[in-house]
């Protein structure tokens, strides 16, 4: 993925361009140092996924529950289904594929951690906690499918005599600022596009003010 968002002219020869790309160096949202509400336990025959993968591999869903001392009384829990068919995906609902998908594990948060994070344990905080767990699963699915994004804003200068009719490209121009602004680690492509557009306008205004 390498999609040009837009160009904005700064002067007759200067323009800025914002490009959104896949973030190929995104940090796993389940890596050490990343704070999550839930703990994710996933089972895959070949690879480690989630937070508690060594324990999860090779034993059943119910054995994982017993091993961790988890019950419906002491934690909130959502099942996680996995599909491995060319690429790997996870979901809170079963996949329509009995051959290549299975109940892989779960994400959970202990009741005391719900109280610590939300102040109490009642219906509204339970709903909040479950929504956070669901978002963590969605985010991790985006990560393992390389659906994490970032943007870069660069500034170019065209030769005054360049014969270029399509001003949406950088043909006939050379880069004078390869990274006037950038930001990475967006799990929402739409949010990345909006931030890229705002950054593009800020860069253009900065150059314009610098020339005034």
C-alpha atoms as a PDB file:
ATOM      1  CA  UNK A   1       0.000   0.000   0.000  1.00  0.00           C
ATOM      2  CA  UNK A   2       1.361   3.412  -0.950  1.00  0.00           C
ATOM      3  CA  UNK A   3      -1.532   5.796  -1.537  1.00  0.00           C
ATOM      4  CA  UNK A   4      -1.112   9.494  -2.240  1.00  0.00           C
ATOM      5  CA  UNK A   5      -3.663  11.483  -0.281  1.00  0.00           C
ATOM      6  CA  UNK A   6      -3.244  14.857  -1.953  1.00  0.00           C
ATOM      7  CA  UNK A   7      -0.855  17.606  -2.981  1.00  0.00           C
ATOM      8  CA  UNK A   8      -1.128  21.209  -1.846  1.00  0.00           C
ATOM      9  CA  UNK A   9       0.706  24.040  -3.587  1.00  0.00           C
ATOM     10  CA  UNK A  10       2.886  26.319  -1.490  1.00  0.00           C
ATOM     11  CA  UNK A  11       4.009  28.531  -4.379  1.00  0.00           C
ATOM     12  CA  UNK A  12       4.353  28.303  -8.137  1.00  0.00           C
ATOM     13  CA  UNK A  13       7.209  25.835  -7.727  1.00  0.00           C
ATOM     14  CA  UNK A  14       6.804  24.395  -4.202  1.00  0.00           C
ATOM     15  CA  UNK A  15       4.195  21.866  -3.101  1.00  0.00           C
ATOM     16  CA  UNK A  16       3.663  19.415  -0.249  1.00  0.00           C
ATOM     17  CA  UNK A  17       2.459  15.849  -0.615  1.00  0.00           C
ATOM     18  CA  UNK A  18       0.913  13.529   1.986  1.00  0.00           C
ATOM     19  CA  UNK A  19       1.210   9.774   1.498  1.00  0.00           C
ATOM     20  CA  UNK A  20      -0.380   7.072   3.643  1.00  0.00           C
ATOM     21  CA  UNK A  21       1.409   3.737   3.915  1.00  0.00           C
ATOM     22  CA  UNK A  22       1.322   0.474   5.821  1.00  0.00           C
ATOM     23  CA  UNK A  23       3.362   0.709   9.001  1.00  0.00           C
ATOM     24  CA  UNK A  24       5.771  -2.173   8.402  1.00  0.00           C
ATOM     25  CA  UNK A  25       7.514  -1.561  11.724  1.00  0.00           C
ATOM     26  CA  UNK A  26       4.434  -1.384  13.940  1.00  0.00           C
ATOM     27  CA  UNK A  27       4.914  -2.704  17.444  1.00  0.00           C
ATOM     28  CA  UNK A  28       2.644  -5.541  18.472  1.00  0.00           C
ATOM     29  CA  UNK A  29      -0.155  -4.280  20.728  1.00  0.00           C
ATOM     30  CA  UNK A  30       0.503  -7.384  22.862  1.00  0.00           C
ATOM     31  CA  UNK A  31       4.250  -6.761  23.308  1.00  0.00           C
ATOM     32  CA  UNK A  32       5.942  -6.109  26.627  1.00  0.00           C
ATOM     33  CA  UNK A  33       5.483  -2.560  27.832  1.00  0.00           C
ATOM     34  CA  UNK A  34       2.123  -2.072  26.108  1.00  0.00           C
ATOM     35  CA  UNK A  35      -0.649  -1.667  28.665  1.00  0.00           C
ATOM     36  CA  UNK A  36      -3.805  -3.652  27.950  1.00  0.00           C
ATOM     37  CA  UNK A  37      -6.843  -4.307  30.078  1.00  0.00           C
ATOM     38  CA  UNK A  38      -7.200  -7.898  28.948  1.00  0.00           C
ATOM     39  CA  UNK A  39      -4.926 -10.912  28.810  1.00  0.00           C
ATOM     40  CA  UNK A  40      -5.130 -12.860  25.551  1.00  0.00           C
ATOM     41  CA  UNK A  41      -4.641 -16.631  25.484  1.00  0.00           C
ATOM     42  CA  UNK A  42      -4.519 -18.127  21.985  1.00  0.00           C
ATOM     43  CA  UNK A  43      -3.688 -21.582  20.668  1.00  0.00           C
ATOM     44  CA  UNK A  44      -2.091 -22.238  17.266  1.00  0.00           C
ATOM     45  CA  UNK A  45      -0.322 -25.481  16.227  1.00  0.00           C
ATOM     46  CA  UNK A  46       2.800 -23.675  14.908  1.00  0.00           C
ATOM     47  CA  UNK A  47       3.003 -20.076  16.087  1.00  0.00           C
ATOM     48  CA  UNK A  48       2.732 -18.084  19.295  1.00  0.00           C
ATOM     49  CA  UNK A  49       0.019 -15.439  19.466  1.00  0.00           C
ATOM     50  CA  UNK A  50      -1.418 -13.285  22.214  1.00  0.00           C
ATOM     51  CA  UNK A  51      -0.005 -12.874  25.709  1.00  0.00           C
ATOM     52  CA  UNK A  52       0.072 -16.378  27.149  1.00  0.00           C
ATOM     53  CA  UNK A  53       1.000 -18.405  24.082  1.00  0.00           C
ATOM     54  CA  UNK A  54       3.450 -20.952  25.610  1.00  0.00           C
ATOM     55  CA  UNK A  55       0.778 -22.185  27.996  1.00  0.00           C
ATOM     56  CA  UNK A  56      -1.914 -22.095  25.331  1.00  0.00           C
ATOM     57  CA  UNK A  57      -0.151 -24.275  22.782  1.00  0.00           C
ATOM     58  CA  UNK A  58      -1.046 -27.939  22.838  1.00  0.00           C
ATOM     59  CA  UNK A  59      -3.768 -27.904  25.476  1.00  0.00           C
ATOM     60  CA  UNK A  60      -7.494 -27.390  25.230  1.00  0.00           C
ATOM     61  CA  UNK A  61      -9.640 -24.345  25.880  1.00  0.00           C
ATOM     62  CA  UNK A  62     -11.012 -25.796  29.137  1.00  0.00           C
ATOM     63  CA  UNK A  63      -7.548 -26.862  30.273  1.00  0.00           C
ATOM     64  CA  UNK A  64      -6.366 -23.288  29.837  1.00  0.00           C
ATOM     65  CA  UNK A  65      -9.249 -22.062  31.984  1.00  0.00           C
ATOM     66  CA  UNK A  66      -8.428 -24.530  34.756  1.00  0.00           C
ATOM     67  CA  UNK A  67      -4.698 -23.820  34.510  1.00  0.00           C
ATOM     68  CA  UNK A  68      -5.308 -20.092  34.962  1.00  0.00           C
ATOM     69  CA  UNK A  69      -7.916 -20.570  37.674  1.00  0.00           C
ATOM     70  CA  UNK A  70     -10.560 -18.714  35.653  1.00  0.00           C
ATOM     71  CA  UNK A  71     -14.306 -19.046  36.126  1.00  0.00           C
ATOM     72  CA  UNK A  72     -17.370 -17.032  35.171  1.00  0.00           C
ATOM     73  CA  UNK A  73     -17.450 -15.824  38.779  1.00  0.00           C
ATOM     74  CA  UNK A  74     -13.973 -14.306  38.982  1.00  0.00           C
ATOM     75  CA  UNK A  75     -13.457 -12.750  35.550  1.00  0.00           C
ATOM     76  CA  UNK A  76     -14.966 -11.389  32.361  1.00  0.00           C
ATOM     77  CA  UNK A  77     -14.104 -13.407  29.306  1.00  0.00           C
ATOM     78  CA  UNK A  78     -14.690 -13.384  25.542  1.00  0.00           C
ATOM     79  CA  UNK A  79     -13.943 -16.384  23.294  1.00  0.00           C
ATOM     80  CA  UNK A  80     -11.596 -15.847  20.340  1.00  0.00           C
ATOM     81  CA  UNK A  81     -11.860 -17.795  17.093  1.00  0.00           C
ATOM     82  CA  UNK A  82      -8.969 -18.151  14.671  1.00  0.00           C
ATOM     83  CA  UNK A  83      -8.828 -18.905  10.958  1.00  0.00           C
ATOM     84  CA  UNK A  84      -5.633 -19.966   9.203  1.00  0.00           C
ATOM     85  CA  UNK A  85      -6.206 -20.076   5.466  1.00  0.00           C
ATOM     86  CA  UNK A  86      -3.350 -18.354   3.646  1.00  0.00           C
ATOM     87  CA  UNK A  87      -3.440 -15.626   6.279  1.00  0.00           C
ATOM     88  CA  UNK A  88      -4.405 -15.689   9.951  1.00  0.00           C
ATOM     89  CA  UNK A  89      -7.377 -13.831  11.362  1.00  0.00           C
ATOM     90  CA  UNK A  90      -9.010 -13.717  14.771  1.00  0.00           C
ATOM     91  CA  UNK A  91     -12.578 -12.817  15.670  1.00  0.00           C
ATOM     92  CA  UNK A  92     -15.037 -12.869  18.543  1.00  0.00           C
ATOM     93  CA  UNK A  93     -17.503 -14.763  16.336  1.00  0.00           C
ATOM     94  CA  UNK A  94     -16.958 -18.104  14.574  1.00  0.00           C
ATOM     95  CA  UNK A  95     -15.725 -18.159  10.984  1.00  0.00           C
ATOM     96  CA  UNK A  96     -17.814 -19.930   8.383  1.00  0.00           C
ATOM     97  CA  UNK A  97     -15.053 -22.451   7.750  1.00  0.00           C
ATOM     98  CA  UNK A  98     -15.057 -25.742   9.637  1.00  0.00           C
ATOM     99  CA  UNK A  99     -11.755 -26.892   8.103  1.00  0.00           C
ATOM    100  CA  UNK A 100      -9.435 -23.966   8.715  1.00  0.00           C
ATOM    101  CA  UNK A 101     -10.906 -22.271  11.776  1.00  0.00           C
ATOM    102  CA  UNK A 102     -11.355 -23.186  15.406  1.00  0.00           C
ATOM    103  CA  UNK A 103     -11.994 -21.880  18.900  1.00  0.00           C
ATOM    104  CA  UNK A 104      -8.450 -20.736  19.604  1.00  0.00           C
ATOM    105  CA  UNK A 105      -8.710 -19.203  23.047  1.00  0.00           C
ATOM    106  CA  UNK A 106     -10.043 -16.202  24.896  1.00  0.00           C
ATOM    107  CA  UNK A 107      -9.330 -12.762  26.273  1.00  0.00           C
ATOM    108  CA  UNK A 108     -10.107 -12.106  29.930  1.00  0.00           C
ATOM    109  CA  UNK A 109      -9.892  -9.539  32.684  1.00  0.00           C
ATOM    110  CA  UNK A 110     -10.229 -10.383  36.354  1.00  0.00           C
ATOM    111  CA  UNK A 111     -13.010  -8.749  38.322  1.00  0.00           C
ATOM    112  CA  UNK A 112     -10.580  -6.938  40.621  1.00  0.00           C
ATOM    113  CA  UNK A 113      -8.888  -5.380  37.591  1.00  0.00           C
ATOM    114  CA  UNK A 114     -12.235  -4.103  36.352  1.00  0.00           C
ATOM    115  CA  UNK A 115     -12.715  -2.420  39.730  1.00  0.00           C
ATOM    116  CA  UNK A 116      -9.177  -1.017  39.648  1.00  0.00           C
ATOM    117  CA  UNK A 117      -9.641   0.478  36.183  1.00  0.00           C
ATOM    118  CA  UNK A 118     -13.288   1.567  36.321  1.00  0.00           C
ATOM    119  CA  UNK A 119     -13.903   2.146  40.019  1.00  0.00           C
ATOM    120  CA  UNK A 120     -16.603  -0.481  40.565  1.00  0.00           C
ATOM    121  CA  UNK A 121     -17.994  -3.729  39.235  1.00  0.00           C
ATOM    122  CA  UNK A 122     -21.555  -3.273  37.976  1.00  0.00           C
ATOM    123  CA  UNK A 123     -23.449  -3.486  34.704  1.00  0.00           C
ATOM    124  CA  UNK A 124     -22.145  -0.272  33.152  1.00  0.00           C
ATOM    125  CA  UNK A 125     -18.494  -0.919  34.018  1.00  0.00           C
ATOM    126  CA  UNK A 126     -18.849  -4.529  32.874  1.00  0.00           C
ATOM    127  CA  UNK A 127     -20.068  -3.246  29.502  1.00  0.00           C
ATOM    128  CA  UNK A 128     -17.158  -0.801  29.325  1.00  0.00           C
ATOM    129  CA  UNK A 129     -14.653  -3.530  30.111  1.00  0.00           C
ATOM    130  CA  UNK A 130     -16.128  -5.926  27.544  1.00  0.00           C
ATOM    131  CA  UNK A 131     -15.997  -3.193  24.902  1.00  0.00           C
ATOM    132  CA  UNK A 132     -12.323  -2.634  25.669  1.00  0.00           C
ATOM    133  CA  UNK A 133     -11.622  -6.368  25.357  1.00  0.00           C
ATOM    134  CA  UNK A 134     -13.425  -6.466  22.011  1.00  0.00           C
ATOM    135  CA  UNK A 135     -11.390  -3.495  20.743  1.00  0.00           C
ATOM    136  CA  UNK A 136      -8.164  -5.178  21.835  1.00  0.00           C
ATOM    137  CA  UNK A 137      -9.068  -8.269  19.781  1.00  0.00           C
ATOM    138  CA  UNK A 138      -9.931  -6.099  16.776  1.00  0.00           C
ATOM    139  CA  UNK A 139      -6.663  -4.188  17.113  1.00  0.00           C
ATOM    140  CA  UNK A 140      -4.589  -7.370  17.373  1.00  0.00           C
ATOM    141  CA  UNK A 141      -6.298  -8.791  14.291  1.00  0.00           C
ATOM    142  CA  UNK A 142      -5.328  -5.629  12.412  1.00  0.00           C
ATOM    143  CA  UNK A 143      -1.728  -6.027  13.548  1.00  0.00           C
ATOM    144  CA  UNK A 144      -1.329  -9.651  12.474  1.00  0.00           C
ATOM    145  CA  UNK A 145      -2.870  -8.778   9.089  1.00  0.00           C
ATOM    146  CA  UNK A 146      -0.554  -5.772   8.546  1.00  0.00           C
ATOM    147  CA  UNK A 147      -3.473  -3.357   8.697  1.00  0.00           C
ATOM    148  CA  UNK A 148      -1.581  -0.694  10.632  1.00  0.00           C
ATOM    149  CA  UNK A 149      -0.973   2.621   8.901  1.00  0.00           C
ATOM    150  CA  UNK A 150       1.091   5.767   8.969  1.00  0.00           C
ATOM    151  CA  UNK A 151       1.639   8.868   6.897  1.00  0.00           C
ATOM    152  CA  UNK A 152       4.484  11.022   5.671  1.00  0.00           C
ATOM    153  CA  UNK A 153       4.364  14.599   4.409  1.00  0.00           C
ATOM    154  CA  UNK A 154       7.173  15.651   2.067  1.00  0.00           C
ATOM    155  CA  UNK A 155       7.882  18.962   0.340  1.00  0.00           C
ATOM    156  CA  UNK A 156       8.934  19.129  -3.319  1.00  0.00           C
ATOM    157  CA  UNK A 157      10.189  21.784  -5.685  1.00  0.00           C
ATOM    158  CA  UNK A 158       9.568  21.811  -9.413  1.00  0.00           C
ATOM    159  CA  UNK A 159      11.880  23.436 -11.893  1.00  0.00           C
ATOM    160  CA  UNK A 160      10.166  26.615 -13.145  1.00  0.00           C
ATOM    161  CA  UNK A 161      10.438  25.335 -16.699  1.00  0.00           C
ATOM    162  CA  UNK A 162       9.229  21.786 -15.960  1.00  0.00           C
ATOM    163  CA  UNK A 163       6.600  20.739 -18.470  1.00  0.00           C
ATOM    164  CA  UNK A 164       4.232  18.885 -16.140  1.00  0.00           C
ATOM    165  CA  UNK A 165       0.517  18.812 -16.767  1.00  0.00           C
ATOM    166  CA  UNK A 166      -0.408  16.337 -14.029  1.00  0.00           C
ATOM    167  CA  UNK A 167       0.323  18.183 -10.799  1.00  0.00           C
ATOM    168  CA  UNK A 168      -0.887  15.245  -8.673  1.00  0.00           C
ATOM    169  CA  UNK A 169       2.477  13.512  -9.223  1.00  0.00           C
ATOM    170  CA  UNK A 170       6.040  14.327  -8.223  1.00  0.00           C
ATOM    171  CA  UNK A 171       7.334  13.950 -11.767  1.00  0.00           C
ATOM    172  CA  UNK A 172       9.602  16.825 -12.693  1.00  0.00           C
ATOM    173  CA  UNK A 173      10.216  17.715  -9.038  1.00  0.00           C
ATOM    174  CA  UNK A 174      12.887  17.025  -6.434  1.00  0.00           C
ATOM    175  CA  UNK A 175      12.365  16.567  -2.720  1.00  0.00           C
ATOM    176  CA  UNK A 176      13.637  19.326  -0.440  1.00  0.00           C
ATOM    177  CA  UNK A 177      12.136  17.970   2.800  1.00  0.00           C
ATOM    178  CA  UNK A 178      11.624  14.206   2.889  1.00  0.00           C
ATOM    179  CA  UNK A 179       9.729  14.173   6.182  1.00  0.00           C
ATOM    180  CA  UNK A 180       8.202  17.528   7.044  1.00  0.00           C
ATOM    181  CA  UNK A 181       5.742  15.620   9.250  1.00  0.00           C
ATOM    182  CA  UNK A 182       4.892  11.987   9.874  1.00  0.00           C
ATOM    183  CA  UNK A 183       3.051   9.757  12.304  1.00  0.00           C
ATOM    184  CA  UNK A 184       2.701   5.968  12.493  1.00  0.00           C
ATOM    185  CA  UNK A 185       0.784   3.290  14.355  1.00  0.00           C
ATOM    186  CA  UNK A 186      -2.806   3.995  13.266  1.00  0.00           C
ATOM    187  CA  UNK A 187      -5.144   1.003  13.454  1.00  0.00           C
ATOM    188  CA  UNK A 188      -7.916   3.015  11.797  1.00  0.00           C
ATOM    189  CA  UNK A 189      -7.101   3.909   8.179  1.00  0.00           C
ATOM    190  CA  UNK A 190      -9.741   6.655   8.155  1.00  0.00           C
ATOM    191  CA  UNK A 191      -8.200   8.309  11.224  1.00  0.00           C
ATOM    192  CA  UNK A 192      -4.787   8.131   9.576  1.00  0.00           C
ATOM    193  CA  UNK A 193      -6.112   9.843   6.446  1.00  0.00           C
ATOM    194  CA  UNK A 194      -7.699  12.637   8.505  1.00  0.00           C
ATOM    195  CA  UNK A 195      -4.497  13.218  10.467  1.00  0.00           C
ATOM    196  CA  UNK A 196      -2.449  13.185   7.264  1.00  0.00           C
ATOM    197  CA  UNK A 197      -4.703  15.793   5.702  1.00  0.00           C
ATOM    198  CA  UNK A 198      -4.434  18.034   8.781  1.00  0.00           C
ATOM    199  CA  UNK A 199      -0.643  17.626   8.869  1.00  0.00           C
ATOM    200  CA  UNK A 200      -0.399  18.480   5.172  1.00  0.00           C
ATOM    201  CA  UNK A 201      -2.247  21.754   5.698  1.00  0.00           C
ATOM    202  CA  UNK A 202      -0.088  22.600   8.724  1.00  0.00           C
ATOM    203  CA  UNK A 203       3.114  22.022   6.743  1.00  0.00           C
ATOM    204  CA  UNK A 204       1.853  24.210   3.891  1.00  0.00           C
ATOM    205  CA  UNK A 205       0.919  27.029   6.281  1.00  0.00           C
ATOM    206  CA  UNK A 206       4.338  26.791   7.930  1.00  0.00           C
ATOM    207  CA  UNK A 207       6.128  27.215   4.620  1.00  0.00           C
ATOM    208  CA  UNK A 208       3.803  30.033   3.610  1.00  0.00           C
ATOM    209  CA  UNK A 209       4.391  31.865   6.891  1.00  0.00           C
ATOM    210  CA  UNK A 210       8.118  31.346   6.519  1.00  0.00           C
ATOM    211  CA  UNK A 211       8.042  33.026   3.146  1.00  0.00           C
ATOM    212  CA  UNK A 212       5.912  35.996   4.203  1.00  0.00           C
END
